[in-house]
Amino acid sequence: MNFDLVVKNGVVYTEQGFYQLNVGVQGEKIAVLADPAVPLEGARVIDAQGKYVLPGFIDCHCHLRDPGLTQKEDFYTGTMAAAHSGITMVCPQPNVKPVPNTLADYREEVQAGQARAVIDFNPIGCPLGTAQDVTEIAQEGSAWFKLFEKVATYPYNTTAGTLDTHRIYEAFRAVAATGRYCSVHPFDKYFFDAAVEQIKAEGKPITLENVRHMWYSDEEMTGAAYQLSYYAKKAGMKWYAMHAWMPGYIDLVRMLKERGEMTIVSSFEYMPAMDASDEIYDIAGGKYIYLNHDAKPDKAKIWAAIRDGVIDMIGSDHAPHAPNEYKSDDALHTGAGFAMLDYFGHLLVSHVNEGDLSLEKLAEVTSVNFAKAFGMYPRKGSNVVGSDADFTIVDLNREWVISEQDKVYTKTQTIPYVGRKMHGAVTGTVVRGRVVMENGEVFGEPGYGKFVTAENSK
């Protein structure tokens, strides 16, 4: 049989382990997994000799700023950047404009993705509308819900955020009625404000250099997470413990999972937690933009929690801003975070070679666990016959260094992690049978990406 696409000679991830297999794709689906001795013919052939063929990476946490804030990023540029590092599906977070907390506004974001995305997507709705809004957004297909327990300069000044814990609890009750998970950016304003007041008392200006490393501390995030976990349990809601990268927060998730009294899925987000860049390179400006970093976590504890299953997923937290939106001398009125989807998949592959997680665990935390938690398995998150032909093709042997000369696809045209030595790379991205990236070149078509939900995933 002549297939539309053949991926040959690769070591393929399966539910039983890794095996040398040839993969035949017909249309958007995996049609056959064949012994290497069985020749397969295809209109397009990828020779994956010496490489690994993983289920397509899914980024459970990114910000694409579309609609409403597209000077920072949009569905096209953001998903091009994602494809560049092996991502086949993204879940944009709800701090866009308008915030998707009504059915009409949620549909506006979906339509933006349908017009511009080059890979698959599922926008995450916000539960801070009415209970009826929450029901309608869930029925439309939002994989889960997200709100921000923070109010400050963008990205925290939208109606996706609140400090009102009673309102959060009522939102949890509304989400519980839908059977969906809800995630929260955990935050304690008093700890945030105390850091600012301490710097003022020392007679120092409120710059990123002086104060940012004091924010998102263990006490701040873990204290908030304890309260949120109680509200989730009380509401009977499935809790998505997002941003679980401080030691006490990890301990909390471990304890609650061991008790088994509530349904929990958890993630840590790479950009703020794992060696965040203190500066990023602005290609057009030919200069570095200073950012500083959030409070440093215990990286060894994070990776241990990945290996033993306490943390289920890793999100990028791709957080793009236009270069002129950063104000390093005004920590209270600056863009927070940076664009990093061009590198996310490559970084995770490098961590395999650095001994932080196995290749099998990489497939779990980037794809399998997500698909199972949010009702998309086996269409997503697997390499079984009949599933979507989404592949992330990995070369564990390539050694390279992130540099100012790299080509990136993010609209920001900024490069983080300059000088980081990399051991391993993503060399191919396939979305539903279409090659969208090969050897660093992205071939994205706006509108190819599909809105994928649990309801239409069978």
Protein backbone atom coordinates (compact mmCIF):
# COMPACT_ATOMS: atom_id res chain seq x y z
CA MET A 1 0.00 0.00 0.00
CA ASN A 2 1.19 3.50 -0.81
CA PHE A 3 0.80 5.83 2.19
CA ASP A 4 0.55 9.60 2.33
CA LEU A 5 3.47 9.70 4.77
CA VAL A 6 5.97 7.12 5.96
CA VAL A 7 8.28 7.60 8.93
CA LYS A 8 10.87 4.84 8.64
CA ASN A 9 13.80 3.48 10.64
CA GLY A 10 12.90 5.33 13.82
CA VAL A 11 12.59 4.05 17.38
CA VAL A 12 8.87 4.54 18.06
CA TYR A 13 7.19 5.11 21.43
CA THR A 14 4.36 2.63 22.05
CA GLU A 15 2.28 1.68 25.08
CA GLN A 16 4.54 -1.36 25.51
CA GLY A 17 7.83 0.54 25.20
CA PHE A 18 10.16 1.74 22.44
CA TYR A 19 10.50 -0.38 19.29
CA GLN A 20 12.18 -0.02 15.91
CA LEU A 21 9.18 0.40 13.60
CA ASN A 22 8.09 1.92 10.32
CA VAL A 23 4.98 4.09 10.55
CA GLY A 24 2.49 4.47 7.70
CA VAL A 25 0.10 7.44 7.72
CA GLN A 26 -3.05 7.70 5.63
CA GLY A 27 -4.81 11.05 5.74
CA GLU A 28 -4.59 12.37 9.30
CA LYS A 29 -4.31 9.00 11.05
CA ILE A 30 -1.72 6.35 11.81
CA ALA A 31 -2.63 3.48 9.48
CA VAL A 32 0.05 0.92 10.31
CA LEU A 33 2.99 0.21 12.59
CA ALA A 34 5.21 -2.22 10.72
CA ASP A 35 8.31 -4.26 11.42
CA PRO A 36 11.38 -2.56 9.87
CA ALA A 37 11.70 -5.52 7.50
CA VAL A 38 8.33 -4.61 5.97
CA PRO A 39 8.90 -1.95 3.27
CA LEU A 40 6.38 0.87 3.18
CA GLU A 41 5.99 3.27 0.27
CA GLY A 42 4.86 6.84 0.78
CA ALA A 43 4.25 10.08 -1.10
CA ARG A 44 6.41 11.65 1.60
CA VAL A 45 9.08 9.73 3.49
CA ILE A 46 10.95 10.79 6.62
CA ASP A 47 14.04 8.75 7.41
CA ALA A 48 14.26 8.75 11.22
CA GLN A 49 17.38 6.57 11.38
CA GLY A 50 19.01 7.03 14.78
CA LYS A 51 16.07 9.09 16.06
CA TYR A 52 13.05 8.60 18.32
CA VAL A 53 9.44 9.07 17.26
CA LEU A 54 7.39 10.32 20.22
CA PRO A 55 3.69 11.18 20.43
CA GLY A 56 3.30 14.85 19.52
CA PHE A 57 4.25 17.18 22.36
CA ILE A 58 1.31 19.11 23.88
CA ASP A 59 1.97 22.39 25.67
CA CYS A 60 -0.59 22.55 28.46
CA HIS A 61 0.26 26.13 29.41
CA CYS A 62 1.16 28.94 27.03
CA HIS A 63 0.04 32.51 26.33
CA LEU A 64 -0.66 33.42 22.70
CA ARG A 65 -2.23 36.89 23.35
CA ASP A 66 -4.84 36.33 20.65
CA PRO A 67 -7.37 37.91 20.43
CA GLY A 68 -6.86 41.48 21.59
CA LEU A 69 -3.15 41.73 22.40
CA THR A 70 -1.61 40.60 19.15
CA GLN A 71 1.21 43.13 19.20
CA LYS A 72 2.79 40.58 21.58
CA GLU A 73 1.94 37.33 19.75
CA ASP A 74 -0.91 35.76 17.81
CA PHE A 75 -2.10 32.27 16.94
CA TYR A 76 -0.03 32.16 13.76
CA THR A 77 3.33 33.32 15.12
CA GLY A 78 2.87 31.52 18.44
CA THR A 79 2.00 28.18 16.89
CA MET A 80 4.81 28.55 14.35
CA ALA A 81 7.18 28.97 17.30
CA ALA A 82 5.60 25.94 18.96
CA ALA A 83 6.03 23.78 15.87
CA HIS A 84 9.66 24.91 15.75
CA SER A 85 10.37 22.91 18.93
CA GLY A 86 8.15 19.90 18.35
CA ILE A 87 4.83 21.06 19.83
CA THR A 88 1.78 19.67 18.01
CA MET A 89 -0.97 21.13 20.22
CA VAL A 90 -1.24 24.12 22.56
CA CYS A 91 -3.61 25.26 25.30
CA PRO A 92 -3.62 29.08 25.37
CA GLN A 93 -4.45 30.59 28.77
CA PRO A 94 -7.39 32.99 29.19
CA ASN A 95 -5.73 36.36 29.88
CA VAL A 96 -6.60 37.63 26.42
CA LYS A 97 -9.02 40.38 25.33
CA PRO A 98 -11.86 39.70 25.64
CA VAL A 99 -11.39 37.17 28.42
CA PRO A 100 -13.18 33.93 27.43
CA ASN A 101 -15.60 33.91 30.36
CA THR A 102 -18.76 33.88 28.22
CA LEU A 103 -19.64 31.55 25.38
CA ALA A 104 -19.47 34.36 22.82
CA ASP A 105 -16.00 35.44 23.95
CA TYR A 106 -14.77 31.85 24.13
CA ARG A 107 -15.98 31.30 20.56
CA GLU A 108 -14.13 34.44 19.47
CA GLU A 109 -10.86 32.94 20.69
CA VAL A 110 -11.62 29.58 19.05
CA GLN A 111 -12.33 31.36 15.77
CA ALA A 112 -9.01 33.23 16.02
CA GLY A 113 -7.27 29.88 16.35
CA GLN A 114 -9.22 28.33 13.49
CA ALA A 115 -8.15 31.23 11.26
CA ARG A 116 -4.47 31.38 12.21
CA ALA A 117 -3.16 28.33 14.10
CA VAL A 118 -0.78 25.97 12.29
CA ILE A 119 -1.03 23.24 14.95
CA ASP A 120 -3.95 21.96 17.01
CA PHE A 121 -5.25 23.88 20.01
CA ASN A 122 -7.76 24.08 22.84
CA PRO A 123 -8.22 27.51 24.46
CA ILE A 124 -8.80 27.40 28.21
CA GLY A 125 -11.95 29.15 29.39
CA CYS A 126 -12.20 31.37 32.47
CA PRO A 127 -14.83 30.45 35.12
CA LEU A 128 -15.35 33.99 36.44
CA GLY A 129 -18.56 34.58 34.54
CA THR A 130 -21.89 33.15 35.68
CA ALA A 131 -22.53 29.49 36.42
CA GLN A 132 -24.44 29.34 33.12
CA ASP A 133 -21.41 30.77 31.30
CA VAL A 134 -19.24 28.04 32.82
CA THR A 135 -21.68 25.34 31.71
CA GLU A 136 -21.84 26.69 28.16
CA ILE A 137 -18.04 27.01 27.82
CA ALA A 138 -17.61 23.45 29.08
CA GLN A 139 -20.18 22.19 26.59
CA GLU A 140 -18.36 24.08 23.81
CA GLY A 141 -15.26 22.05 24.59
CA SER A 142 -12.80 23.88 26.85
CA ALA A 143 -10.50 21.18 28.21
CA TRP A 144 -10.55 22.77 31.66
CA PHE A 145 -10.88 26.20 33.29
CA LYS A 146 -8.28 28.67 34.56
CA LEU A 147 -8.29 31.80 36.68
CA PHE A 148 -5.60 34.02 38.17
CA GLU A 149 -5.54 34.69 41.89
CA LYS A 150 -3.73 37.91 41.13
CA VAL A 151 -4.52 41.49 40.14
CA ALA A 152 -1.68 43.71 38.85
CA THR A 153 -0.27 45.11 35.62
CA TYR A 154 -0.87 42.96 32.52
CA PRO A 155 -0.89 40.00 32.27
CA TYR A 156 -2.78 40.12 35.58
CA ASN A 157 -5.11 43.10 35.03
CA THR A 158 -7.85 41.29 33.11
CA THR A 159 -11.17 39.90 34.25
CA ALA A 160 -9.52 36.46 34.30
CA GLY A 161 -8.11 37.41 37.70
CA THR A 162 -9.53 38.06 41.15
CA LEU A 163 -8.34 38.23 44.77
CA ASP A 164 -11.86 37.48 46.04
CA THR A 165 -11.61 34.01 47.58
CA HIS A 166 -15.38 33.70 47.94
CA ARG A 167 -15.71 34.34 44.22
CA ILE A 168 -13.05 31.73 43.53
CA TYR A 169 -14.94 29.20 45.65
CA GLU A 170 -18.19 29.93 43.79
CA ALA A 171 -16.34 29.51 40.48
CA PHE A 172 -15.05 26.15 41.73
CA ARG A 173 -18.60 25.07 42.51
CA ALA A 174 -19.72 26.03 39.01
CA VAL A 175 -16.82 24.11 37.44
CA ALA A 176 -17.50 21.09 39.66
CA ALA A 177 -21.00 20.89 38.19
CA THR A 178 -19.48 20.44 34.71
CA GLY A 179 -17.07 17.67 35.75
CA ARG A 180 -14.11 19.68 34.44
CA TYR A 181 -10.84 20.50 36.17
CA CYS A 182 -9.98 24.05 37.19
CA SER A 183 -6.49 25.51 37.56
CA VAL A 184 -5.41 28.67 39.35
CA HIS A 185 -2.31 30.82 39.26
CA PRO A 186 -1.81 30.73 43.08
CA PHE A 187 -0.85 34.04 44.64
CA ASP A 188 -0.80 35.81 48.01
CA LYS A 189 -0.84 39.58 47.58
CA TYR A 190 0.42 40.24 51.11
CA PHE A 191 3.72 38.46 50.45
CA PHE A 192 4.04 40.26 47.11
CA ASP A 193 3.43 43.65 48.73
CA ALA A 194 5.75 42.88 51.66
CA ALA A 195 8.66 42.35 49.26
CA VAL A 196 8.02 45.77 47.71
CA GLU A 197 7.79 47.43 51.11
CA GLN A 198 11.06 45.79 52.19
CA ILE A 199 12.89 47.22 49.19
CA LYS A 200 11.39 50.65 49.85
CA ALA A 201 12.48 50.48 53.49
CA GLU A 202 16.01 49.76 52.33
CA GLY A 203 15.88 52.94 50.28
CA LYS A 204 16.16 51.13 46.97
CA PRO A 205 14.13 51.71 43.79
CA ILE A 206 11.52 49.13 42.80
CA THR A 207 13.46 47.69 39.88
CA LEU A 208 13.34 44.14 38.58
CA GLU A 209 16.89 43.61 39.78
CA ASN A 210 15.99 44.59 43.33
CA VAL A 211 12.63 42.91 43.86
CA ARG A 212 11.66 40.26 41.33
CA HIS A 213 13.73 37.47 42.90
CA MET A 214 11.65 37.94 46.08
CA TRP A 215 8.31 37.18 44.38
CA TYR A 216 6.64 33.77 43.97
CA SER A 217 8.39 32.42 47.02
CA ASP A 218 7.62 29.07 48.63
CA GLU A 219 5.58 30.75 51.35
CA GLU A 220 3.61 32.88 48.89
CA MET A 221 2.71 30.14 46.43
CA THR A 222 2.34 27.21 48.81
CA GLY A 223 0.19 29.11 51.30
CA ALA A 224 -2.18 30.09 48.51
CA ALA A 225 -2.19 26.52 47.14
CA TYR A 226 -3.25 25.07 50.51
CA GLN A 227 -6.27 27.37 50.57
CA LEU A 228 -7.15 26.59 46.96
CA SER A 229 -6.92 22.85 47.57
CA TYR A 230 -9.40 23.16 50.42
CA TYR A 231 -11.87 25.09 48.27
CA ALA A 232 -11.51 22.52 45.49
CA LYS A 233 -12.15 19.63 47.86
CA LYS A 234 -15.06 21.42 49.52
CA ALA A 235 -16.62 22.18 46.14
CA GLY A 236 -16.14 18.60 44.95
CA MET A 237 -14.09 19.90 42.01
CA LYS A 238 -11.26 18.21 40.16
CA TRP A 239 -8.23 20.37 40.91
CA TYR A 240 -5.51 21.10 38.39
CA ALA A 241 -2.57 22.10 40.62
CA MET A 242 -0.77 24.44 38.25
CA HIS A 243 2.61 26.12 38.93
CA ALA A 244 3.57 23.34 41.37
CA TRP A 245 7.28 24.13 41.46
CA MET A 246 8.00 25.36 44.99
CA PRO A 247 8.98 22.70 47.59
CA GLY A 248 6.00 23.11 49.89
CA TYR A 249 3.58 23.09 46.97
CA ILE A 250 5.08 19.85 45.66
CA ASP A 251 4.77 18.35 49.17
CA LEU A 252 1.11 19.40 49.26
CA VAL A 253 0.32 17.74 45.92
CA ARG A 254 2.16 14.60 47.02
CA MET A 255 0.20 14.44 50.29
CA LEU A 256 -3.18 14.99 48.63
CA LYS A 257 -2.51 12.43 45.91
CA GLU A 258 -1.49 9.85 48.53
CA ARG A 259 -4.67 10.51 50.51
CA GLY A 260 -6.81 9.96 47.42
CA GLU A 261 -9.62 12.13 48.73
CA MET A 262 -9.83 14.34 45.65
CA THR A 263 -9.01 14.18 41.95
CA ILE A 264 -5.79 16.06 41.13
CA VAL A 265 -3.61 16.57 38.09
CA SER A 266 -0.52 18.76 38.41
CA SER A 267 2.09 20.62 36.38
CA PHE A 268 5.10 22.82 36.70
CA GLU A 269 5.80 25.57 34.20
CA TYR A 270 9.27 25.69 32.66
CA MET A 271 9.77 29.39 31.91
CA PRO A 272 9.60 30.77 35.47
CA ALA A 273 10.94 27.71 37.27
CA MET A 274 13.83 26.19 35.37
CA ASP A 275 16.90 28.44 34.99
CA ALA A 276 14.84 31.36 33.69
CA SER A 277 16.81 33.78 31.55
CA ASP A 278 17.81 36.94 33.41
CA GLU A 279 17.96 38.62 30.02
CA ILE A 280 16.71 37.99 26.50
CA TYR A 281 18.22 39.03 23.19
CA ASP A 282 16.21 41.47 21.05
CA ILE A 283 17.12 40.62 17.45
CA ALA A 284 15.84 43.81 15.84
CA GLY A 285 17.33 46.04 18.51
CA GLY A 286 20.60 44.14 18.61
CA LYS A 287 20.62 44.33 22.39
CA TYR A 288 19.77 42.42 25.57
CA ILE A 289 16.67 43.17 27.64
CA TYR A 290 17.15 42.69 31.38
CA LEU A 291 14.45 40.71 33.21
CA ASN A 292 15.84 39.14 36.39
CA HIS A 293 14.02 36.03 37.69
CA ASP A 294 11.38 34.86 40.13
CA ALA A 295 12.33 33.21 43.43
CA LYS A 296 14.53 30.19 42.78
CA PRO A 297 12.92 26.80 43.40
CA ASP A 298 14.55 23.50 44.32
CA LYS A 299 15.21 22.10 40.83
CA ALA A 300 16.25 18.67 42.13
CA LYS A 301 12.93 18.36 43.95
CA ILE A 302 11.00 19.34 40.81
CA TRP A 303 12.66 16.67 38.69
CA ALA A 304 12.23 14.09 41.45
CA ALA A 305 8.50 14.88 41.49
CA ILE A 306 8.39 14.43 37.71
CA ARG A 307 10.12 11.06 37.93
CA ASP A 308 7.86 9.68 40.65
CA GLY A 309 4.62 10.97 39.12
CA VAL A 310 3.67 13.66 41.64
CA ILE A 311 3.89 16.20 38.81
CA ASP A 312 2.03 14.97 35.73
CA MET A 313 2.81 17.57 33.07
CA ILE A 314 5.23 20.31 32.07
CA GLY A 315 3.95 23.53 30.50
CA SER A 316 6.10 26.14 28.81
CA ASP A 317 4.42 29.27 30.23
CA HIS A 318 5.48 30.96 26.98
CA ALA A 319 4.77 34.58 27.93
CA PRO A 320 5.60 36.91 25.02
CA HIS A 321 5.77 40.70 25.10
CA ALA A 322 6.93 43.19 22.51
CA PRO A 323 10.48 44.37 23.35
CA ASN A 324 9.30 47.91 24.10
CA GLU A 325 6.88 46.62 26.77
CA TYR A 326 9.66 45.68 29.19
CA LYS A 327 10.59 48.23 31.85
CA SER A 328 13.43 46.88 33.96
CA ASP A 329 13.49 50.03 36.10
CA ASP A 330 9.79 49.75 37.02
CA ALA A 331 9.04 46.29 38.37
CA LEU A 332 5.38 47.09 39.02
CA HIS A 333 4.62 48.16 35.44
CA THR A 334 6.53 45.85 33.14
CA GLY A 335 5.85 42.84 30.97
CA ALA A 336 6.27 39.61 32.96
CA GLY A 337 7.82 36.53 31.39
CA PHE A 338 9.26 35.95 27.93
CA ALA A 339 8.75 34.09 24.66
CA MET A 340 10.26 30.61 24.73
CA LEU A 341 8.17 28.25 22.60
CA ASP A 342 10.87 28.18 19.91
CA TYR A 343 13.04 26.31 22.44
CA PHE A 344 10.67 24.49 24.80
CA GLY A 345 10.73 21.04 23.19
CA HIS A 346 14.47 21.20 22.56
CA LEU A 347 15.10 22.10 26.21
CA LEU A 348 13.09 19.13 27.46
CA VAL A 349 14.99 16.77 25.17
CA SER A 350 18.25 18.16 26.49
CA HIS A 351 17.07 17.44 30.04
CA VAL A 352 16.77 13.75 29.08
CA ASN A 353 20.49 13.67 28.26
CA GLU A 354 21.23 15.64 31.43
CA GLY A 355 19.68 12.82 33.47
CA ASP A 356 16.65 14.71 34.80
CA LEU A 357 14.05 12.37 33.26
CA SER A 358 13.88 9.36 30.98
CA LEU A 359 12.71 9.45 27.38
CA GLU A 360 9.65 7.42 28.36
CA LYS A 361 8.84 9.91 31.13
CA LEU A 362 9.29 12.75 28.63
CA ALA A 363 6.56 11.25 26.46
CA GLU A 364 4.30 10.93 29.49
CA VAL A 365 4.67 14.49 30.81
CA THR A 366 4.52 16.16 27.39
CA SER A 367 1.70 14.17 25.83
CA VAL A 368 0.30 10.95 27.32
CA ASN A 369 -0.74 12.26 30.74
CA PHE A 370 -2.41 15.34 29.26
CA ALA A 371 -4.45 13.34 26.77
CA LYS A 372 -5.60 10.89 29.44
CA ALA A 373 -6.49 13.58 32.00
CA PHE A 374 -8.53 15.70 29.59
CA GLY A 375 -10.35 13.01 27.63
CA MET A 376 -8.36 13.11 24.40
CA TYR A 377 -6.65 9.72 24.63
CA PRO A 378 -5.90 7.84 22.42
CA ARG A 379 -6.57 10.35 19.64
CA LYS A 380 -3.82 12.47 21.18
CA GLY A 381 -0.96 11.27 23.35
CA SER A 382 -0.42 7.90 21.66
CA ASN A 383 1.15 6.24 18.64
CA VAL A 384 -1.53 3.58 18.21
CA VAL A 385 -3.15 2.74 14.89
CA GLY A 386 -6.15 5.00 14.32
CA SER A 387 -4.85 7.89 16.42
CA ASP A 388 -3.93 11.29 15.02
CA ALA A 389 -0.56 11.13 13.28
CA ASP A 390 1.10 13.65 15.60
CA PHE A 391 4.83 13.02 15.99
CA THR A 392 7.72 14.76 17.65
CA ILE A 393 10.92 13.36 16.15
CA VAL A 394 13.94 13.61 18.43
CA ASP A 395 17.69 13.38 17.88
CA LEU A 396 19.35 12.68 21.24
CA ASN A 397 22.85 13.01 19.80
CA ARG A 398 22.85 16.53 18.40
CA GLU A 399 24.93 19.00 20.41
CA TRP A 400 24.46 22.74 19.88
CA VAL A 401 24.42 26.11 21.64
CA ILE A 402 21.59 28.65 21.69
CA SER A 403 22.93 31.82 20.07
CA GLU A 404 22.02 35.33 18.94
CA GLN A 405 22.05 34.05 15.35
CA ASP A 406 19.22 31.53 15.85
CA LYS A 407 16.11 31.83 13.70
CA VAL A 408 12.95 32.13 15.78
CA TYR A 409 9.30 32.35 14.79
CA THR A 410 7.79 34.20 17.76
CA LYS A 411 6.45 37.63 16.86
CA THR A 412 8.63 39.14 19.61
CA GLN A 413 11.81 38.13 17.73
CA THR A 414 13.59 37.65 21.03
CA ILE A 415 15.88 34.82 22.09
CA PRO A 416 16.16 33.52 25.67
CA TYR A 417 18.82 31.17 27.09
CA VAL A 418 21.60 32.56 24.89
CA GLY A 419 24.76 30.54 25.51
CA ARG A 420 22.99 27.47 26.92
CA LYS A 421 24.66 24.27 25.77
CA MET A 422 22.11 21.79 24.42
CA HIS A 423 22.45 18.03 24.12
CA GLY A 424 19.61 16.79 21.95
CA ALA A 425 17.10 18.44 19.62
CA VAL A 426 13.71 18.06 17.98
CA THR A 427 14.25 17.59 14.24
CA GLY A 428 10.69 17.02 13.04
CA THR A 429 7.11 18.00 13.91
CA VAL A 430 4.16 16.23 12.31
CA VAL A 431 0.57 17.30 12.97
CA ARG A 432 -2.18 14.94 11.76
CA GLY A 433 0.04 13.57 9.03
CA ARG A 434 1.38 16.90 7.81
CA VAL A 435 5.06 17.78 8.28
CA VAL A 436 5.04 21.27 9.79
CA MET A 437 8.71 21.42 10.81
CA GLU A 438 11.79 19.63 9.54
CA ASN A 439 15.37 20.37 10.55
CA GLY A 440 14.52 23.77 12.00
CA GLU A 441 12.38 25.05 9.12
CA VAL A 442 8.67 25.52 9.85
CA PHE A 443 6.14 25.00 7.05
CA GLY A 444 3.01 26.21 8.74
CA GLU A 445 -0.29 26.97 7.03
CA PRO A 446 -2.58 29.37 8.91
CA GLY A 447 -5.85 27.61 9.69
CA TYR A 448 -4.49 24.07 9.49
CA GLY A 449 -4.68 23.76 13.27
CA LYS A 450 -7.88 22.21 14.61
CA PHE A 451 -9.87 22.99 17.75
CA VAL A 452 -9.60 19.64 19.54
CA THR A 453 -11.89 18.79 22.45
CA ALA A 454 -12.70 15.75 24.53
CA GLU A 455 -16.10 15.49 22.83
CA ASN A 456 -14.71 15.13 19.32
CA SER A 457 -11.62 13.16 20.28
CA LYS A 458 -12.94 9.65 19.81
